[in-house]
Amino acid sequence: MVRDRSAFIHIILLLFVTAVIIWSVIQPYNYINWALEVLPAIALLAVVIFTYNKFRLTTLSYIIIAILTILMFIGGHYTYSRVPLFDWIKDYFDLKRNNYDRFGHFLKGLFTIVIREVLIRKSPLTKGKWLYTITLSIALSIGTLYEIIEWLGTKIIKGGKVSKDFLGTQGDIWDTQWDLFSLLIGSILALLFFSNLHNKQLRNKK
């Protein structure tokens, strides 16, 4: 019964993400930039769908994946430096930049819960300081790899408007460092606030 209810929730999440994908691809700011921004989200969704029957994650992990893919599809539609809500926040608080990308990197810290689940279920690691440390290290490694991919992407595109939109530094020379710091803070908070709930869902899967 619990498994059936969980499967129903997972289907609802997939339908909602699909609706956002359809919205996102309709007249985005730039189709090349859209493709660059959403490719990781599409790859993640593909892995989740193809492994669903063989390696079903907890509902918390699927909720996190849904949130993060939606985040990326919104960023792909508008570009990360032009998301309207954060333009409004920038104007209202007289900020220097649109901070949707910083908000996005902070929320990507939630992915540590997914990493944590894979480690608990597929490695000898048990709950404790080493699980916490290795989970954080993997999360930061993924974040750093993404920053490198962004940088390489701009080199392949060779400058221009698309390259500038994809990199999204908005003139901040410390943008990469701020992004990784936001990810670190988000990852630590995710582990602090959601580990107990995650443990409960993991026990229910046994």
N, C-alpha and C. Protein backbone atom coordinates (compact mmCIF):
# COMPACT_ATOMS: atom_id res chain seq x y z
N MET A 1 0.83 -1.21 0.00
CA MET A 1 0.00 0.00 0.00
C MET A 1 0.87 1.26 0.00
N VAL A 2 1.90 1.26 0.89
CA VAL A 2 2.82 2.39 0.96
C VAL A 2 3.56 2.55 -0.37
N ARG A 3 3.98 1.41 -0.92
CA ARG A 3 4.71 1.44 -2.20
C ARG A 3 3.83 1.98 -3.31
N ASP A 4 2.54 1.58 -3.33
CA ASP A 4 1.62 2.08 -4.35
C ASP A 4 1.41 3.59 -4.22
N ARG A 5 1.29 4.05 -2.98
CA ARG A 5 1.12 5.48 -2.75
C ARG A 5 2.35 6.26 -3.19
N SER A 6 3.52 5.70 -2.90
CA SER A 6 4.76 6.34 -3.31
C SER A 6 4.87 6.40 -4.84
N ALA A 7 4.51 5.31 -5.50
CA ALA A 7 4.55 5.29 -6.96
C ALA A 7 3.63 6.34 -7.56
N PHE A 8 2.45 6.51 -6.94
CA PHE A 8 1.51 7.54 -7.40
C PHE A 8 2.12 8.93 -7.28
N ILE A 9 2.78 9.20 -6.15
CA ILE A 9 3.45 10.49 -5.96
C ILE A 9 4.54 10.70 -7.00
N HIS A 10 5.27 9.63 -7.31
CA HIS A 10 6.35 9.73 -8.29
C HIS A 10 5.79 10.05 -9.68
N ILE A 11 4.66 9.47 -10.03
CA ILE A 11 4.03 9.75 -11.33
C ILE A 11 3.59 11.20 -11.40
N ILE A 12 2.99 11.71 -10.31
CA ILE A 12 2.57 13.11 -10.25
C ILE A 12 3.77 14.04 -10.43
N LEU A 13 4.87 13.71 -9.77
CA LEU A 13 6.09 14.52 -9.91
C LEU A 13 6.58 14.53 -11.36
N LEU A 14 6.56 13.35 -12.00
CA LEU A 14 7.01 13.26 -13.38
C LEU A 14 6.11 14.06 -14.31
N LEU A 15 4.81 14.00 -14.09
CA LEU A 15 3.87 14.76 -14.91
C LEU A 15 4.08 16.27 -14.74
N PHE A 16 4.33 16.68 -13.52
CA PHE A 16 4.56 18.11 -13.25
C PHE A 16 5.84 18.59 -13.92
N VAL A 17 6.91 17.78 -13.81
CA VAL A 17 8.18 18.12 -14.45
C VAL A 17 8.01 18.17 -15.97
N THR A 18 7.24 17.22 -16.53
CA THR A 18 6.98 17.20 -17.97
C THR A 18 6.26 18.47 -18.42
N ALA A 19 5.30 18.92 -17.62
CA ALA A 19 4.57 20.15 -17.95
C ALA A 19 5.52 21.35 -17.98
N VAL A 20 6.44 21.38 -17.03
CA VAL A 20 7.42 22.48 -16.99
C VAL A 20 8.35 22.41 -18.20
N ILE A 21 8.74 21.19 -18.59
CA ILE A 21 9.59 21.03 -19.77
C ILE A 21 8.89 21.60 -21.01
N ILE A 22 7.63 21.26 -21.17
CA ILE A 22 6.87 21.74 -22.34
C ILE A 22 6.79 23.26 -22.33
N TRP A 23 6.49 23.83 -21.14
CA TRP A 23 6.45 25.30 -21.03
C TRP A 23 7.82 25.90 -21.36
N SER A 24 8.87 25.28 -20.84
CA SER A 24 10.22 25.82 -20.97
C SER A 24 10.68 25.90 -22.42
N VAL A 25 10.30 24.91 -23.22
CA VAL A 25 10.79 24.84 -24.59
C VAL A 25 10.01 25.75 -25.55
N ILE A 26 8.88 26.29 -25.09
CA ILE A 26 8.08 27.19 -25.93
C ILE A 26 8.64 28.60 -25.86
N GLN A 27 9.22 29.04 -26.95
CA GLN A 27 9.77 30.39 -27.09
C GLN A 27 10.68 30.81 -25.94
N PRO A 28 11.74 30.05 -25.70
CA PRO A 28 12.70 30.48 -24.68
C PRO A 28 13.47 31.71 -25.15
N TYR A 29 14.26 32.28 -24.27
CA TYR A 29 15.04 33.48 -24.64
C TYR A 29 15.96 33.18 -25.81
N ASN A 30 16.57 31.99 -25.80
CA ASN A 30 17.46 31.59 -26.88
C ASN A 30 17.52 30.07 -26.89
N TYR A 31 17.27 29.45 -28.03
CA TYR A 31 17.19 27.99 -28.08
C TYR A 31 18.54 27.32 -27.84
N ILE A 32 19.62 27.93 -28.30
CA ILE A 32 20.94 27.33 -28.06
C ILE A 32 21.25 27.37 -26.58
N ASN A 33 21.01 28.50 -25.94
CA ASN A 33 21.24 28.62 -24.51
C ASN A 33 20.34 27.66 -23.73
N TRP A 34 19.10 27.53 -24.20
CA TRP A 34 18.15 26.61 -23.55
C TRP A 34 18.71 25.19 -23.56
N ALA A 35 19.21 24.78 -24.71
CA ALA A 35 19.75 23.42 -24.83
C ALA A 35 20.95 23.22 -23.91
N LEU A 36 21.82 24.22 -23.84
CA LEU A 36 23.00 24.12 -22.99
C LEU A 36 22.63 24.02 -21.51
N GLU A 37 21.64 24.81 -21.12
CA GLU A 37 21.26 24.87 -19.71
C GLU A 37 20.50 23.63 -19.25
N VAL A 38 19.66 23.07 -20.11
CA VAL A 38 18.77 21.99 -19.67
C VAL A 38 19.32 20.59 -19.94
N LEU A 39 20.42 20.49 -20.68
CA LEU A 39 20.98 19.17 -20.98
C LEU A 39 21.28 18.34 -19.73
N PRO A 40 21.89 18.93 -18.68
CA PRO A 40 22.11 18.13 -17.46
C PRO A 40 20.82 17.64 -16.83
N ALA A 41 19.77 18.47 -16.87
CA ALA A 41 18.47 18.09 -16.30
C ALA A 41 17.86 16.93 -17.08
N ILE A 42 17.95 16.99 -18.40
CA ILE A 42 17.41 15.92 -19.25
C ILE A 42 18.18 14.62 -19.00
N ALA A 43 19.50 14.72 -18.88
CA ALA A 43 20.32 13.53 -18.61
C ALA A 43 19.95 12.92 -17.26
N LEU A 44 19.76 13.77 -16.25
CA LEU A 44 19.39 13.29 -14.92
C LEU A 44 18.03 12.60 -14.94
N LEU A 45 17.07 13.21 -15.62
CA LEU A 45 15.74 12.61 -15.73
C LEU A 45 15.78 11.27 -16.44
N ALA A 46 16.60 11.19 -17.49
CA ALA A 46 16.72 9.94 -18.24
C ALA A 46 17.25 8.82 -17.34
N VAL A 47 18.27 9.12 -16.56
CA VAL A 47 18.84 8.12 -15.64
C VAL A 47 17.80 7.68 -14.61
N VAL A 48 17.07 8.66 -14.05
CA VAL A 48 16.06 8.36 -13.03
C VAL A 48 14.96 7.47 -13.60
N ILE A 49 14.50 7.76 -14.81
CA ILE A 49 13.41 6.99 -15.42
C ILE A 49 13.87 5.57 -15.77
N PHE A 50 15.07 5.45 -16.34
CA PHE A 50 15.54 4.13 -16.78
C PHE A 50 15.95 3.23 -15.62
N THR A 51 16.25 3.82 -14.47
CA THR A 51 16.66 3.01 -13.32
C THR A 51 15.53 2.86 -12.29
N TYR A 52 14.36 3.35 -12.62
CA TYR A 52 13.27 3.41 -11.62
C TYR A 52 12.91 2.03 -11.07
N ASN A 53 12.76 1.05 -11.91
CA ASN A 53 12.36 -0.29 -11.45
C ASN A 53 13.50 -1.04 -10.77
N LYS A 54 14.73 -0.80 -11.21
CA LYS A 54 15.86 -1.54 -10.66
C LYS A 54 16.43 -0.89 -9.40
N PHE A 55 16.35 0.43 -9.33
CA PHE A 55 16.91 1.13 -8.18
C PHE A 55 16.01 2.32 -7.84
N ARG A 56 14.93 2.02 -7.15
CA ARG A 56 13.94 3.06 -6.83
C ARG A 56 14.38 3.85 -5.61
N LEU A 57 14.48 5.15 -5.77
CA LEU A 57 14.90 6.02 -4.69
C LEU A 57 13.75 6.32 -3.74
N THR A 58 14.07 7.00 -2.66
CA THR A 58 13.02 7.44 -1.74
C THR A 58 12.24 8.59 -2.37
N THR A 59 11.05 8.81 -1.87
CA THR A 59 10.22 9.91 -2.38
C THR A 59 10.91 11.25 -2.16
N LEU A 60 11.61 11.41 -1.04
CA LEU A 60 12.33 12.66 -0.78
C LEU A 60 13.34 12.93 -1.88
N SER A 61 14.07 11.91 -2.29
CA SER A 61 15.06 12.08 -3.36
C SER A 61 14.39 12.47 -4.67
N TYR A 62 13.25 11.85 -4.98
CA TYR A 62 12.55 12.20 -6.22
C TYR A 62 11.98 13.61 -6.17
N ILE A 63 11.53 14.05 -5.01
CA ILE A 63 11.05 15.44 -4.86
C ILE A 63 12.20 16.40 -5.12
N ILE A 64 13.36 16.09 -4.56
CA ILE A 64 14.54 16.94 -4.76
C ILE A 64 14.94 16.98 -6.23
N ILE A 65 14.95 15.83 -6.90
CA ILE A 65 15.28 15.79 -8.32
C ILE A 65 14.28 16.61 -9.13
N ALA A 66 13.00 16.52 -8.79
CA ALA A 66 11.97 17.30 -9.48
C ALA A 66 12.22 18.80 -9.30
N ILE A 67 12.52 19.22 -8.07
CA ILE A 67 12.79 20.63 -7.79
C ILE A 67 13.98 21.12 -8.60
N LEU A 68 15.05 20.35 -8.63
CA LEU A 68 16.27 20.79 -9.30
C LEU A 68 16.12 20.81 -10.82
N THR A 69 15.40 19.85 -11.38
CA THR A 69 15.20 19.87 -12.83
C THR A 69 14.28 21.04 -13.23
N ILE A 70 13.27 21.31 -12.43
CA ILE A 70 12.39 22.46 -12.69
C ILE A 70 13.19 23.75 -12.62
N LEU A 71 14.06 23.85 -11.64
CA LEU A 71 14.94 25.01 -11.49
C LEU A 71 15.76 25.24 -12.75
N MET A 72 16.28 24.17 -13.32
CA MET A 72 17.12 24.28 -14.51
C MET A 72 16.30 24.60 -15.75
N PHE A 73 15.08 24.08 -15.83
CA PHE A 73 14.24 24.39 -16.98
C PHE A 73 13.75 25.85 -16.94
N ILE A 74 13.54 26.38 -15.77
CA ILE A 74 13.20 27.80 -15.65
C ILE A 74 14.39 28.65 -16.08
N GLY A 75 15.58 28.28 -15.59
CA GLY A 75 16.79 28.99 -15.98
C GLY A 75 17.07 28.90 -17.47
N GLY A 76 16.77 27.74 -18.06
CA GLY A 76 16.96 27.59 -19.50
C GLY A 76 15.99 28.43 -20.31
N HIS A 77 14.78 28.59 -19.81
CA HIS A 77 13.77 29.36 -20.53
C HIS A 77 14.10 30.85 -20.57
N TYR A 78 14.47 31.38 -19.42
CA TYR A 78 14.72 32.83 -19.33
C TYR A 78 16.20 33.19 -19.46
N THR A 79 17.11 32.26 -19.22
CA THR A 79 18.53 32.39 -18.87
C THR A 79 18.59 32.75 -17.38
N TYR A 80 19.64 32.31 -16.74
CA TYR A 80 19.75 32.46 -15.29
C TYR A 80 19.85 33.92 -14.85
N SER A 81 20.29 34.79 -15.72
CA SER A 81 20.45 36.19 -15.34
C SER A 81 19.23 37.04 -15.68
N ARG A 82 18.13 36.40 -16.17
CA ARG A 82 16.96 37.17 -16.57
C ARG A 82 15.64 36.61 -16.01
N VAL A 83 15.68 35.78 -15.01
CA VAL A 83 14.45 35.23 -14.44
C VAL A 83 13.65 36.39 -13.83
N PRO A 84 12.42 36.62 -14.28
CA PRO A 84 11.66 37.82 -13.91
C PRO A 84 11.52 38.06 -12.41
N LEU A 85 11.19 37.02 -11.63
CA LEU A 85 11.02 37.22 -10.18
C LEU A 85 12.28 37.78 -9.55
N PHE A 86 13.44 37.29 -9.98
CA PHE A 86 14.68 37.75 -9.39
C PHE A 86 15.12 39.09 -9.97
N ASP A 87 14.62 39.45 -11.16
CA ASP A 87 14.79 40.82 -11.64
C ASP A 87 14.02 41.78 -10.74
N TRP A 88 12.80 41.38 -10.36
CA TRP A 88 11.99 42.20 -9.46
C TRP A 88 12.68 42.35 -8.11
N ILE A 89 13.22 41.25 -7.58
CA ILE A 89 13.94 41.30 -6.31
C ILE A 89 15.15 42.23 -6.41
N LYS A 90 15.86 42.13 -7.54
CA LYS A 90 17.03 42.99 -7.75
C LYS A 90 16.63 44.46 -7.74
N ASP A 91 15.55 44.80 -8.44
CA ASP A 91 15.10 46.19 -8.51
C ASP A 91 14.55 46.66 -7.16
N TYR A 92 13.79 45.80 -6.50
CA TYR A 92 13.15 46.20 -5.24
C TYR A 92 14.18 46.45 -4.14
N PHE A 93 15.21 45.60 -4.07
CA PHE A 93 16.22 45.74 -3.02
C PHE A 93 17.48 46.46 -3.52
N ASP A 94 17.40 46.99 -4.75
CA ASP A 94 18.51 47.75 -5.34
C ASP A 94 19.80 46.93 -5.34
N LEU A 95 19.70 45.67 -5.81
CA LEU A 95 20.87 44.80 -5.88
C LEU A 95 21.62 45.03 -7.19
N LYS A 96 22.82 44.53 -7.26
CA LYS A 96 23.65 44.74 -8.45
C LYS A 96 23.42 43.69 -9.52
N ARG A 97 22.81 42.55 -9.16
CA ARG A 97 22.67 41.47 -10.12
C ARG A 97 21.41 40.66 -9.84
N ASN A 98 20.99 39.91 -10.86
CA ASN A 98 19.93 38.93 -10.71
C ASN A 98 20.53 37.69 -10.05
N ASN A 99 20.03 37.32 -8.88
CA ASN A 99 20.66 36.26 -8.09
C ASN A 99 20.00 34.89 -8.24
N TYR A 100 19.29 34.67 -9.35
CA TYR A 100 18.66 33.35 -9.54
C TYR A 100 19.71 32.24 -9.60
N ASP A 101 20.86 32.53 -10.20
CA ASP A 101 21.90 31.49 -10.28
C ASP A 101 22.45 31.17 -8.90
N ARG A 102 22.61 32.19 -8.05
CA ARG A 102 23.09 31.93 -6.68
C ARG A 102 22.05 31.12 -5.90
N PHE A 103 20.78 31.49 -6.06
CA PHE A 103 19.69 30.75 -5.44
C PHE A 103 19.68 29.31 -5.95
N GLY A 104 19.91 29.15 -7.25
CA GLY A 104 19.93 27.82 -7.85
C GLY A 104 21.05 26.96 -7.30
N HIS A 105 22.24 27.54 -7.17
CA HIS A 105 23.36 26.76 -6.63
C HIS A 105 23.12 26.41 -5.16
N PHE A 106 22.49 27.31 -4.43
CA PHE A 106 22.14 27.02 -3.04
C PHE A 106 21.18 25.83 -2.97
N LEU A 107 20.14 25.85 -3.82
CA LEU A 107 19.18 24.75 -3.82
C LEU A 107 19.79 23.44 -4.31
N LYS A 108 20.78 23.54 -5.17
CA LYS A 108 21.44 22.32 -5.66
C LYS A 108 22.12 21.56 -4.53
N GLY A 109 22.31 22.24 -3.39
CA GLY A 109 22.80 21.55 -2.21
C GLY A 109 21.88 20.43 -1.76
N LEU A 110 20.60 20.51 -2.14
CA LEU A 110 19.66 19.44 -1.82
C LEU A 110 20.08 18.10 -2.42
N PHE A 111 20.84 18.17 -3.51
CA PHE A 111 21.24 16.94 -4.19
C PHE A 111 22.13 16.07 -3.31
N THR A 112 22.68 16.65 -2.23
CA THR A 112 23.48 15.84 -1.30
C THR A 112 22.64 14.70 -0.71
N ILE A 113 21.34 14.91 -0.59
CA ILE A 113 20.48 13.86 -0.05
C ILE A 113 20.42 12.67 -1.01
N VAL A 114 20.37 12.96 -2.31
CA VAL A 114 20.37 11.89 -3.31
C VAL A 114 21.71 11.15 -3.28
N ILE A 115 22.79 11.92 -3.21
CA ILE A 115 24.13 11.31 -3.12
C ILE A 115 24.21 10.45 -1.86
N ARG A 116 23.70 10.97 -0.76
CA ARG A 116 23.71 10.25 0.52
C ARG A 116 22.98 8.91 0.40
N GLU A 117 21.85 8.92 -0.30
CA GLU A 117 21.08 7.69 -0.46
C GLU A 117 21.84 6.64 -1.25
N VAL A 118 22.46 7.06 -2.32
CA VAL A 118 23.23 6.12 -3.15
C VAL A 118 24.38 5.53 -2.33
N LEU A 119 25.05 6.37 -1.55
CA LEU A 119 26.17 5.89 -0.74
C LEU A 119 25.70 4.89 0.33
N ILE A 120 24.59 5.22 1.00
CA ILE A 120 24.08 4.34 2.05
C ILE A 120 23.66 2.99 1.49
N ARG A 121 23.04 3.01 0.31
CA ARG A 121 22.48 1.79 -0.24
C ARG A 121 23.47 0.99 -1.09
N LYS A 122 24.52 1.65 -1.59
CA LYS A 122 25.41 0.97 -2.53
C LYS A 122 26.88 0.95 -2.11
N SER A 123 27.19 1.41 -0.90
CA SER A 123 28.57 1.40 -0.45
C SER A 123 28.63 0.88 0.98
N PRO A 124 29.82 0.56 1.48
CA PRO A 124 29.95 0.07 2.87
C PRO A 124 29.76 1.17 3.91
N LEU A 125 29.64 2.43 3.47
CA LEU A 125 29.53 3.53 4.41
C LEU A 125 28.26 3.42 5.26
N THR A 126 28.42 3.72 6.53
CA THR A 126 27.26 3.77 7.42
C THR A 126 27.06 5.22 7.86
N LYS A 127 25.96 5.48 8.51
CA LYS A 127 25.67 6.84 8.97
C LYS A 127 26.74 7.29 9.95
N GLY A 128 27.21 8.52 9.77
CA GLY A 128 28.25 9.04 10.64
C GLY A 128 29.06 10.11 9.95
N LYS A 129 30.19 10.48 10.58
CA LYS A 129 30.97 11.61 10.07
C LYS A 129 31.58 11.35 8.70
N TRP A 130 31.96 10.07 8.42
CA TRP A 130 32.56 9.79 7.12
C TRP A 130 31.52 9.88 6.00
N LEU A 131 30.32 9.44 6.26
CA LEU A 131 29.25 9.57 5.27
C LEU A 131 28.98 11.04 4.99
N TYR A 132 28.93 11.83 6.06
CA TYR A 132 28.70 13.27 5.95
C TYR A 132 29.81 13.93 5.11
N THR A 133 31.07 13.60 5.44
CA THR A 133 32.22 14.21 4.77
C THR A 133 32.29 13.83 3.30
N ILE A 134 32.13 12.54 3.01
CA ILE A 134 32.24 12.07 1.62
C ILE A 134 31.07 12.59 0.78
N THR A 135 29.88 12.64 1.38
CA THR A 135 28.72 13.18 0.66
C THR A 135 28.96 14.64 0.26
N LEU A 136 29.45 15.44 1.21
CA LEU A 136 29.76 16.84 0.91
C LEU A 136 30.84 16.96 -0.16
N SER A 137 31.85 16.10 -0.07
CA SER A 137 32.95 16.15 -1.03
C SER A 137 32.47 15.83 -2.44
N ILE A 138 31.61 14.83 -2.57
CA ILE A 138 31.07 14.48 -3.89
C ILE A 138 30.21 15.60 -4.43
N ALA A 139 29.37 16.20 -3.57
CA ALA A 139 28.51 17.30 -4.00
C ALA A 139 29.34 18.47 -4.53
N LEU A 140 30.41 18.82 -3.81
CA LEU A 140 31.27 19.92 -4.25
C LEU A 140 32.04 19.55 -5.51
N SER A 141 32.42 18.28 -5.64
CA SER A 141 33.11 17.83 -6.86
C SER A 141 32.20 17.95 -8.08
N ILE A 142 30.93 17.57 -7.91
CA ILE A 142 29.97 17.70 -9.02
C ILE A 142 29.77 19.17 -9.37
N GLY A 143 29.66 20.02 -8.34
CA GLY A 143 29.50 21.45 -8.57
C GLY A 143 30.69 22.05 -9.30
N THR A 144 31.89 21.63 -8.90
CA THR A 144 33.11 22.12 -9.54
C THR A 144 33.19 21.65 -10.99
N LEU A 145 32.84 20.37 -11.22
CA LEU A 145 32.83 19.84 -12.58
C LEU A 145 31.87 20.63 -13.47
N TYR A 146 30.72 20.99 -12.92
CA TYR A 146 29.74 21.76 -13.70
C TYR A 146 30.32 23.13 -14.06
N GLU A 147 31.02 23.78 -13.12
CA GLU A 147 31.64 25.07 -13.41
C GLU A 147 32.69 24.93 -14.52
N ILE A 148 33.44 23.83 -14.50
CA ILE A 148 34.44 23.59 -15.54
C ILE A 148 33.76 23.39 -16.89
N ILE A 149 32.65 22.63 -16.89
CA ILE A 149 31.91 22.41 -18.13
C ILE A 149 31.38 23.73 -18.68
N GLU A 150 30.86 24.58 -17.78
CA GLU A 150 30.39 25.91 -18.21
C GLU A 150 31.53 26.69 -18.87
N TRP A 151 32.69 26.67 -18.24
CA TRP A 151 33.85 27.38 -18.77
C TRP A 151 34.27 26.83 -20.12
N LEU A 152 34.34 25.48 -20.23
CA LEU A 152 34.70 24.87 -21.51
C LEU A 152 33.66 25.16 -22.58
N GLY A 153 32.38 25.19 -22.16
CA GLY A 153 31.31 25.49 -23.10
C GLY A 153 31.46 26.86 -23.73
N THR A 154 31.87 27.83 -22.93
CA THR A 154 32.06 29.17 -23.47
C THR A 154 33.25 29.22 -24.42
N LYS A 155 34.24 28.37 -24.18
CA LYS A 155 35.40 28.32 -25.08
C LYS A 155 35.01 27.70 -26.42
N ILE A 156 34.14 26.69 -26.38
CA ILE A 156 33.69 26.04 -27.61
C ILE A 156 32.81 26.99 -28.41
N ILE A 157 31.91 27.70 -27.70
CA ILE A 157 31.02 28.65 -28.37
C ILE A 157 31.81 29.85 -28.88
N LYS A 158 32.96 30.12 -28.25
CA LYS A 158 33.87 31.20 -28.66
C LYS A 158 33.23 32.57 -28.52
N GLY A 159 32.82 32.87 -27.30
CA GLY A 159 32.33 34.21 -27.01
C GLY A 159 30.97 34.49 -27.58
N GLY A 160 30.59 35.76 -27.59
CA GLY A 160 29.29 36.15 -28.12
C GLY A 160 28.21 36.14 -27.06
N LYS A 161 27.01 36.47 -27.47
CA LYS A 161 25.88 36.62 -26.55
C LYS A 161 25.50 35.30 -25.88
N VAL A 162 25.45 34.22 -26.65
CA VAL A 162 25.07 32.93 -26.08
C VAL A 162 26.08 32.50 -25.02
N SER A 163 27.37 32.70 -25.31
CA SER A 163 28.42 32.35 -24.37
C SER A 163 28.26 33.14 -23.08
N LYS A 164 27.98 34.44 -23.20
CA LYS A 164 27.82 35.30 -22.02
C LYS A 164 26.62 34.88 -21.20
N ASP A 165 25.51 34.55 -21.87
CA ASP A 165 24.29 34.13 -21.16
C ASP A 165 24.50 32.79 -20.46
N PHE A 166 25.22 31.88 -21.12
CA PHE A 166 25.44 30.55 -20.55
C PHE A 166 26.33 30.63 -19.31
N LEU A 167 27.38 31.44 -19.38
CA LEU A 167 28.29 31.59 -18.25
C LEU A 167 27.62 32.35 -17.11
N GLY A 168 26.89 33.39 -17.44
CA GLY A 168 26.04 34.09 -16.47
C GLY A 168 26.76 34.75 -15.31
N THR A 169 27.99 35.24 -15.52
CA THR A 169 28.72 35.86 -14.41
C THR A 169 28.18 37.25 -14.07
N GLN A 170 27.53 37.90 -15.00
CA GLN A 170 26.97 39.24 -14.82
C GLN A 170 28.04 40.23 -14.33
N GLY A 171 29.25 40.05 -14.84
CA GLY A 171 30.33 40.97 -14.53
C GLY A 171 31.04 40.71 -13.22
N ASP A 172 30.68 39.66 -12.50
CA ASP A 172 31.29 39.36 -11.21
C ASP A 172 32.47 38.41 -11.42
N ILE A 173 33.68 38.87 -11.15
CA ILE A 173 34.86 38.03 -11.37
C ILE A 173 34.94 36.88 -10.36
N TRP A 174 34.19 36.97 -9.26
CA TRP A 174 34.18 35.92 -8.24
C TRP A 174 32.93 35.06 -8.34
N ASP A 175 32.27 35.07 -9.49
CA ASP A 175 31.00 34.37 -9.64
C ASP A 175 31.13 32.87 -9.35
N THR A 176 32.17 32.24 -9.88
CA THR A 176 32.36 30.80 -9.67
C THR A 176 32.55 30.48 -8.20
N GLN A 177 33.35 31.30 -7.52
CA GLN A 177 33.58 31.07 -6.09
C GLN A 177 32.30 31.24 -5.28
N TRP A 178 31.51 32.25 -5.61
CA TRP A 178 30.23 32.46 -4.92
C TRP A 178 29.27 31.31 -5.19
N ASP A 179 29.27 30.81 -6.41
CA ASP A 179 28.39 29.67 -6.75
C ASP A 179 28.74 28.45 -5.91
N LEU A 180 30.03 28.15 -5.80
CA LEU A 180 30.46 26.98 -5.03
C LEU A 180 30.22 27.18 -3.54
N PHE A 181 30.39 28.41 -3.07
CA PHE A 181 30.11 28.69 -1.66
C PHE A 181 28.62 28.51 -1.37
N SER A 182 27.77 28.99 -2.29
CA SER A 182 26.32 28.81 -2.14
C SER A 182 25.96 27.33 -2.11
N LEU A 183 26.61 26.55 -2.98
CA LEU A 183 26.38 25.10 -3.01
C LEU A 183 26.80 24.46 -1.69
N LEU A 184 27.94 24.86 -1.15
CA LEU A 184 28.43 24.31 0.11
C LEU A 184 27.45 24.57 1.25
N ILE A 185 26.99 25.82 1.36
CA ILE A 185 26.04 26.17 2.42
C ILE A 185 24.74 25.38 2.24
N GLY A 186 24.24 25.31 1.00
CA GLY A 186 23.02 24.56 0.73
C GLY A 186 23.16 23.08 1.05
N SER A 187 24.33 22.52 0.76
CA SER A 187 24.58 21.10 1.03
C SER A 187 24.61 20.81 2.52
N ILE A 188 25.29 21.66 3.28
CA ILE A 188 25.37 21.47 4.73
C ILE A 188 23.98 21.57 5.36
N LEU A 189 23.20 22.57 4.95
CA LEU A 189 21.86 22.75 5.51
C LEU A 189 20.94 21.58 5.13
N ALA A 190 21.09 21.10 3.89
CA ALA A 190 20.27 19.96 3.46
C ALA A 190 20.52 18.74 4.33
N LEU A 191 21.79 18.47 4.62
CA LEU A 191 22.12 17.31 5.46
C LEU A 191 21.64 17.51 6.90
N LEU A 192 21.74 18.73 7.40
CA LEU A 192 21.31 19.01 8.77
C LEU A 192 19.80 18.87 8.94
N PHE A 193 19.05 19.38 7.96
CA PHE A 193 17.60 19.46 8.11
C PHE A 193 16.83 18.24 7.58
N PHE A 194 17.42 17.52 6.62
CA PHE A 194 16.66 16.45 5.97
C PHE A 194 17.18 15.03 6.22
N SER A 195 18.30 14.89 6.90
CA SER A 195 18.86 13.55 7.12
C SER A 195 17.93 12.66 7.93
N ASN A 196 17.31 13.19 8.97
CA ASN A 196 16.41 12.37 9.80
C ASN A 196 15.20 11.89 9.00
N LEU A 197 14.60 12.80 8.23
CA LEU A 197 13.48 12.40 7.37
C LEU A 197 13.93 11.38 6.35
N HIS A 198 15.11 11.59 5.80
CA HIS A 198 15.67 10.66 4.81
C HIS A 198 15.89 9.28 5.43
N ASN A 199 16.42 9.25 6.65
CA ASN A 199 16.64 7.97 7.34
C ASN A 199 15.32 7.22 7.53
N LYS A 200 14.27 7.95 7.88
CA LYS A 200 12.96 7.34 8.07
C LYS A 200 12.45 6.72 6.78
N GLN A 201 12.60 7.44 5.66
CA GLN A 201 12.14 6.90 4.38
C GLN A 201 13.00 5.71 3.95
N LEU A 202 14.29 5.76 4.25
CA LEU A 202 15.14 4.62 3.93
C LEU A 202 14.74 3.37 4.71
N ARG A 203 14.38 3.55 5.97
CA ARG A 203 13.93 2.41 6.78
C ARG A 203 12.64 1.83 6.23
N ASN A 204 11.74 2.67 5.73
CA ASN A 204 10.46 2.21 5.18
C ASN A 204 10.64 1.41 3.88
N LYS A 205 11.80 1.61 3.22
CA LYS A 205 12.05 0.89 1.96
C LYS A 205 12.49 -0.53 2.21
N LYS A 206 12.92 -0.82 3.43
CA LYS A 206 13.46 -2.17 3.72
C LYS A 206 12.33 -3.18 3.91
